[in-house]
Amino acid sequence: MIRNIINAKDFNEILTNSKGKVIVDFYADWCGPCKMQAPVLDDFAKKKPDVIILKVNVDQNVDLAETHAIMSIPTMMVFTNGKQTYKKPGFHALNALENLVNS
């Protein structure tokens, strides 16, 4: 399931209440690699409907980008039971996303 995050309150509430893995995609509408990442995340969401995917637009959520020290986009983060377990900028292929949630 993909959710677009519109504020820090929603972001923190989802992470606090989620059990298991949550993937967070920090992106911007104008970013070329981010546009390439979007259909991969859509495919991943269809294959793994139990994994929550949060999309955070850095232009609309500057506070979240600063809080999580996002210096480059796209940046993927993974939270497991509310704790950050992974953070890496750049495009992530479908098999890389699957490996993140299976590890």
N, C-alpha and C. Protein backbone atom coordinates (compact mmCIF):
# COMPACT_ATOMS: atom_id res chain seq x y z
N MET A 1 0.84 -1.17 0.00
CA MET A 1 0.00 0.00 0.00
C MET A 1 0.90 1.25 0.00
N ILE A 2 0.65 2.16 -0.95
CA ILE A 2 1.43 3.39 -1.04
C ILE A 2 0.60 4.53 -0.48
N ARG A 3 1.23 5.30 0.40
CA ARG A 3 0.57 6.48 0.98
C ARG A 3 1.44 7.70 0.74
N ASN A 4 0.82 8.77 0.28
CA ASN A 4 1.53 10.04 0.15
C ASN A 4 1.43 10.79 1.47
N ILE A 5 2.55 11.20 1.98
CA ILE A 5 2.60 11.87 3.27
C ILE A 5 2.51 13.38 3.07
N ILE A 6 1.62 14.00 3.82
CA ILE A 6 1.46 15.44 3.68
C ILE A 6 1.97 16.22 4.88
N ASN A 7 2.31 15.53 5.96
CA ASN A 7 2.88 16.26 7.10
C ASN A 7 3.60 15.31 8.06
N ALA A 8 4.41 15.90 8.93
CA ALA A 8 5.22 15.12 9.87
C ALA A 8 4.35 14.34 10.85
N LYS A 9 3.21 14.89 11.23
CA LYS A 9 2.33 14.21 12.18
C LYS A 9 1.87 12.86 11.60
N ASP A 10 1.41 12.87 10.35
CA ASP A 10 0.97 11.62 9.71
C ASP A 10 2.13 10.63 9.61
N PHE A 11 3.30 11.13 9.20
CA PHE A 11 4.49 10.30 9.06
C PHE A 11 4.82 9.61 10.37
N ASN A 12 4.91 10.37 11.44
CA ASN A 12 5.27 9.81 12.74
C ASN A 12 4.20 8.86 13.27
N GLU A 13 2.95 9.17 13.02
CA GLU A 13 1.85 8.31 13.48
C GLU A 13 1.90 6.95 12.78
N ILE A 14 2.13 6.96 11.49
CA ILE A 14 2.21 5.69 10.75
C ILE A 14 3.38 4.86 11.24
N LEU A 15 4.54 5.49 11.41
CA LEU A 15 5.71 4.74 11.88
C LEU A 15 5.50 4.19 13.29
N THR A 16 4.88 4.97 14.15
CA THR A 16 4.65 4.55 15.53
C THR A 16 3.69 3.37 15.60
N ASN A 17 2.68 3.37 14.74
CA ASN A 17 1.64 2.35 14.80
C ASN A 17 1.88 1.14 13.90
N SER A 18 2.94 1.16 13.11
CA SER A 18 3.18 0.08 12.16
C SER A 18 4.05 -1.01 12.76
N LYS A 19 3.64 -2.22 12.53
CA LYS A 19 4.45 -3.38 12.91
C LYS A 19 5.03 -3.94 11.62
N GLY A 20 6.27 -4.36 11.65
CA GLY A 20 6.91 -4.86 10.44
C GLY A 20 7.64 -3.77 9.70
N LYS A 21 7.78 -3.93 8.39
CA LYS A 21 8.59 -3.04 7.57
C LYS A 21 7.75 -1.92 6.94
N VAL A 22 8.35 -0.74 6.93
CA VAL A 22 7.78 0.42 6.23
C VAL A 22 8.90 0.98 5.36
N ILE A 23 8.63 1.13 4.07
CA ILE A 23 9.60 1.74 3.16
C ILE A 23 9.19 3.19 2.96
N VAL A 24 10.17 4.08 3.04
CA VAL A 24 9.91 5.50 2.84
C VAL A 24 10.73 5.97 1.64
N ASP A 25 10.05 6.58 0.68
CA ASP A 25 10.67 7.12 -0.52
C ASP A 25 10.63 8.64 -0.43
N PHE A 26 11.79 9.26 -0.22
CA PHE A 26 11.90 10.72 -0.26
C PHE A 26 12.16 11.10 -1.71
N TYR A 27 11.31 11.97 -2.28
CA TYR A 27 11.37 12.27 -3.71
C TYR A 27 10.94 13.72 -3.96
N ALA A 28 11.04 14.13 -5.23
CA ALA A 28 10.49 15.40 -5.69
C ALA A 28 9.91 15.18 -7.08
N ASP A 29 8.87 15.94 -7.42
CA ASP A 29 8.21 15.78 -8.70
C ASP A 29 9.12 16.09 -9.88
N TRP A 30 10.08 16.97 -9.70
CA TRP A 30 10.97 17.40 -10.78
C TRP A 30 12.18 16.49 -10.97
N CYS A 31 12.36 15.51 -10.12
CA CYS A 31 13.56 14.67 -10.09
C CYS A 31 13.42 13.50 -11.08
N GLY A 32 14.34 13.42 -12.06
CA GLY A 32 14.31 12.35 -13.05
C GLY A 32 14.41 10.95 -12.46
N PRO A 33 15.43 10.67 -11.63
CA PRO A 33 15.52 9.34 -11.03
C PRO A 33 14.30 9.00 -10.15
N CYS A 34 13.70 10.02 -9.54
CA CYS A 34 12.50 9.79 -8.73
C CYS A 34 11.34 9.33 -9.61
N LYS A 35 11.25 9.91 -10.81
CA LYS A 35 10.21 9.50 -11.75
C LYS A 35 10.43 8.07 -12.21
N MET A 36 11.69 7.65 -12.32
CA MET A 36 11.99 6.26 -12.68
C MET A 36 11.65 5.31 -11.53
N GLN A 37 11.80 5.78 -10.30
CA GLN A 37 11.55 4.95 -9.12
C GLN A 37 10.06 4.68 -8.92
N ALA A 38 9.22 5.63 -9.28
CA ALA A 38 7.78 5.53 -9.00
C ALA A 38 7.13 4.25 -9.54
N PRO A 39 7.32 3.87 -10.82
CA PRO A 39 6.68 2.64 -11.29
C PRO A 39 7.24 1.38 -10.63
N VAL A 40 8.49 1.42 -10.21
CA VAL A 40 9.08 0.28 -9.51
C VAL A 40 8.39 0.11 -8.16
N LEU A 41 8.15 1.22 -7.47
CA LEU A 41 7.43 1.16 -6.19
C LEU A 41 6.00 0.68 -6.39
N ASP A 42 5.36 1.09 -7.49
CA ASP A 42 4.01 0.61 -7.79
C ASP A 42 4.01 -0.91 -7.97
N ASP A 43 4.98 -1.42 -8.73
CA ASP A 43 5.08 -2.87 -8.93
C ASP A 43 5.35 -3.60 -7.61
N PHE A 44 6.24 -3.02 -6.82
CA PHE A 44 6.57 -3.61 -5.52
C PHE A 44 5.32 -3.67 -4.63
N ALA A 45 4.55 -2.58 -4.61
CA ALA A 45 3.34 -2.53 -3.79
C ALA A 45 2.35 -3.61 -4.19
N LYS A 46 2.27 -3.93 -5.47
CA LYS A 46 1.37 -4.99 -5.94
C LYS A 46 1.86 -6.37 -5.49
N LYS A 47 3.19 -6.55 -5.47
CA LYS A 47 3.76 -7.84 -5.06
C LYS A 47 3.76 -8.03 -3.55
N LYS A 48 3.88 -6.93 -2.82
CA LYS A 48 3.97 -6.99 -1.36
C LYS A 48 2.93 -6.07 -0.72
N PRO A 49 1.65 -6.41 -0.84
CA PRO A 49 0.60 -5.50 -0.32
C PRO A 49 0.64 -5.32 1.20
N ASP A 50 1.35 -6.18 1.90
CA ASP A 50 1.44 -6.08 3.36
C ASP A 50 2.49 -5.05 3.81
N VAL A 51 3.34 -4.58 2.89
CA VAL A 51 4.37 -3.60 3.23
C VAL A 51 3.82 -2.20 2.96
N ILE A 52 3.95 -1.33 3.94
CA ILE A 52 3.52 0.06 3.79
C ILE A 52 4.64 0.83 3.11
N ILE A 53 4.28 1.59 2.09
CA ILE A 53 5.23 2.45 1.39
C ILE A 53 4.77 3.89 1.57
N LEU A 54 5.65 4.70 2.12
CA LEU A 54 5.34 6.12 2.30
C LEU A 54 6.14 6.92 1.29
N LYS A 55 5.48 7.81 0.58
CA LYS A 55 6.15 8.71 -0.35
C LYS A 55 6.15 10.10 0.28
N VAL A 56 7.34 10.67 0.45
CA VAL A 56 7.48 11.97 1.08
C VAL A 56 8.08 12.94 0.05
N ASN A 57 7.29 13.90 -0.38
CA ASN A 57 7.77 14.92 -1.30
C ASN A 57 8.60 15.93 -0.50
N VAL A 58 9.89 16.01 -0.83
CA VAL A 58 10.79 16.86 -0.04
C VAL A 58 10.50 18.34 -0.20
N ASP A 59 9.89 18.73 -1.31
CA ASP A 59 9.53 20.14 -1.49
C ASP A 59 8.35 20.54 -0.62
N GLN A 60 7.47 19.61 -0.34
CA GLN A 60 6.30 19.88 0.49
C GLN A 60 6.52 19.54 1.96
N ASN A 61 7.58 18.77 2.24
CA ASN A 61 7.86 18.32 3.61
C ASN A 61 9.32 18.58 3.96
N VAL A 62 9.70 19.83 3.89
CA VAL A 62 11.08 20.22 4.16
C VAL A 62 11.50 19.79 5.56
N ASP A 63 10.58 19.90 6.52
CA ASP A 63 10.90 19.53 7.90
C ASP A 63 11.27 18.05 8.01
N LEU A 64 10.54 17.18 7.34
CA LEU A 64 10.87 15.75 7.39
C LEU A 64 12.20 15.47 6.69
N ALA A 65 12.43 16.12 5.57
CA ALA A 65 13.71 15.94 4.86
C ALA A 65 14.87 16.38 5.74
N GLU A 66 14.72 17.48 6.43
CA GLU A 66 15.79 17.96 7.32
C GLU A 66 15.96 17.02 8.52
N THR A 67 14.86 16.60 9.12
CA THR A 67 14.92 15.71 10.28
C THR A 67 15.66 14.42 9.95
N HIS A 68 15.47 13.91 8.74
CA HIS A 68 16.08 12.64 8.35
C HIS A 68 17.34 12.83 7.50
N ALA A 69 17.85 14.07 7.49
CA ALA A 69 19.11 14.40 6.81
C ALA A 69 19.15 13.90 5.37
N ILE A 70 18.08 14.21 4.63
CA ILE A 70 18.01 13.82 3.23
C ILE A 70 18.82 14.84 2.42
N MET A 71 19.91 14.38 1.83
CA MET A 71 20.81 15.24 1.07
C MET A 71 20.69 15.03 -0.43
N SER A 72 20.10 13.90 -0.82
CA SER A 72 20.01 13.52 -2.22
C SER A 72 18.71 12.76 -2.41
N ILE A 73 18.10 12.91 -3.59
CA ILE A 73 16.87 12.18 -3.87
C ILE A 73 16.99 11.44 -5.19
N PRO A 74 16.31 10.33 -5.31
CA PRO A 74 15.50 9.68 -4.28
C PRO A 74 16.37 9.07 -3.19
N THR A 75 15.84 9.04 -2.00
CA THR A 75 16.47 8.32 -0.89
C THR A 75 15.43 7.36 -0.32
N MET A 76 15.84 6.12 -0.17
CA MET A 76 14.98 5.10 0.43
C MET A 76 15.40 4.88 1.87
N MET A 77 14.40 4.80 2.72
CA MET A 77 14.63 4.42 4.11
C MET A 77 13.72 3.24 4.41
N VAL A 78 14.17 2.39 5.31
CA VAL A 78 13.33 1.30 5.79
C VAL A 78 13.27 1.41 7.31
N PHE A 79 12.07 1.29 7.82
CA PHE A 79 11.84 1.25 9.26
C PHE A 79 11.26 -0.11 9.60
N THR A 80 11.79 -0.74 10.62
CA THR A 80 11.30 -2.02 11.09
C THR A 80 10.78 -1.82 12.50
N ASN A 81 9.49 -2.05 12.67
CA ASN A 81 8.83 -1.82 13.96
C ASN A 81 9.13 -0.42 14.50
N GLY A 82 9.11 0.57 13.60
CA GLY A 82 9.29 1.96 13.99
C GLY A 82 10.72 2.44 14.09
N LYS A 83 11.71 1.56 13.93
CA LYS A 83 13.12 1.94 14.03
C LYS A 83 13.77 1.93 12.65
N GLN A 84 14.57 2.95 12.37
CA GLN A 84 15.25 3.01 11.09
C GLN A 84 16.28 1.89 10.99
N THR A 85 16.20 1.11 9.90
CA THR A 85 17.13 0.00 9.71
C THR A 85 17.91 0.12 8.40
N TYR A 86 17.56 1.12 7.57
CA TYR A 86 18.23 1.26 6.28
C TYR A 86 18.00 2.67 5.76
N LYS A 87 19.05 3.21 5.11
CA LYS A 87 18.93 4.51 4.44
C LYS A 87 19.98 4.57 3.35
N LYS A 88 19.52 4.82 2.12
CA LYS A 88 20.47 4.93 1.02
C LYS A 88 19.85 5.74 -0.12
N PRO A 89 20.60 6.71 -0.65
CA PRO A 89 20.09 7.46 -1.79
C PRO A 89 20.24 6.68 -3.09
N GLY A 90 19.50 7.10 -4.11
CA GLY A 90 19.62 6.52 -5.44
C GLY A 90 18.46 5.61 -5.78
N PHE A 91 18.43 5.24 -7.06
CA PHE A 91 17.40 4.36 -7.58
C PHE A 91 17.54 2.97 -6.99
N HIS A 92 16.42 2.35 -6.64
CA HIS A 92 16.39 0.98 -6.12
C HIS A 92 15.55 0.12 -7.05
N ALA A 93 16.16 -0.91 -7.63
CA ALA A 93 15.46 -1.85 -8.50
C ALA A 93 14.49 -2.70 -7.67
N LEU A 94 13.58 -3.35 -8.36
CA LEU A 94 12.57 -4.18 -7.69
C LEU A 94 13.20 -5.24 -6.80
N ASN A 95 14.22 -5.94 -7.30
CA ASN A 95 14.85 -6.99 -6.48
C ASN A 95 15.55 -6.41 -5.25
N ALA A 96 16.06 -5.19 -5.35
CA ALA A 96 16.70 -4.54 -4.19
C ALA A 96 15.65 -4.23 -3.13
N LEU A 97 14.49 -3.77 -3.55
CA LEU A 97 13.40 -3.50 -2.59
C LEU A 97 12.94 -4.79 -1.93
N GLU A 98 12.82 -5.86 -2.71
CA GLU A 98 12.42 -7.14 -2.15
C GLU A 98 13.45 -7.63 -1.13
N ASN A 99 14.72 -7.45 -1.43
CA ASN A 99 15.78 -7.85 -0.48
C ASN A 99 15.69 -7.05 0.82
N LEU A 100 15.33 -5.77 0.72
CA LEU A 100 15.21 -4.93 1.93
C LEU A 100 14.14 -5.44 2.88
N VAL A 101 13.02 -5.89 2.36
CA VAL A 101 11.95 -6.34 3.24
C VAL A 101 12.10 -7.79 3.66
N ASN A 102 12.93 -8.55 2.94
CA ASN A 102 13.12 -9.94 3.28
C ASN A 102 14.30 -10.15 4.22
N SER A 103 15.09 -9.11 4.46
CA SER A 103 16.27 -9.27 5.32
C SER A 103 15.94 -8.99 6.77
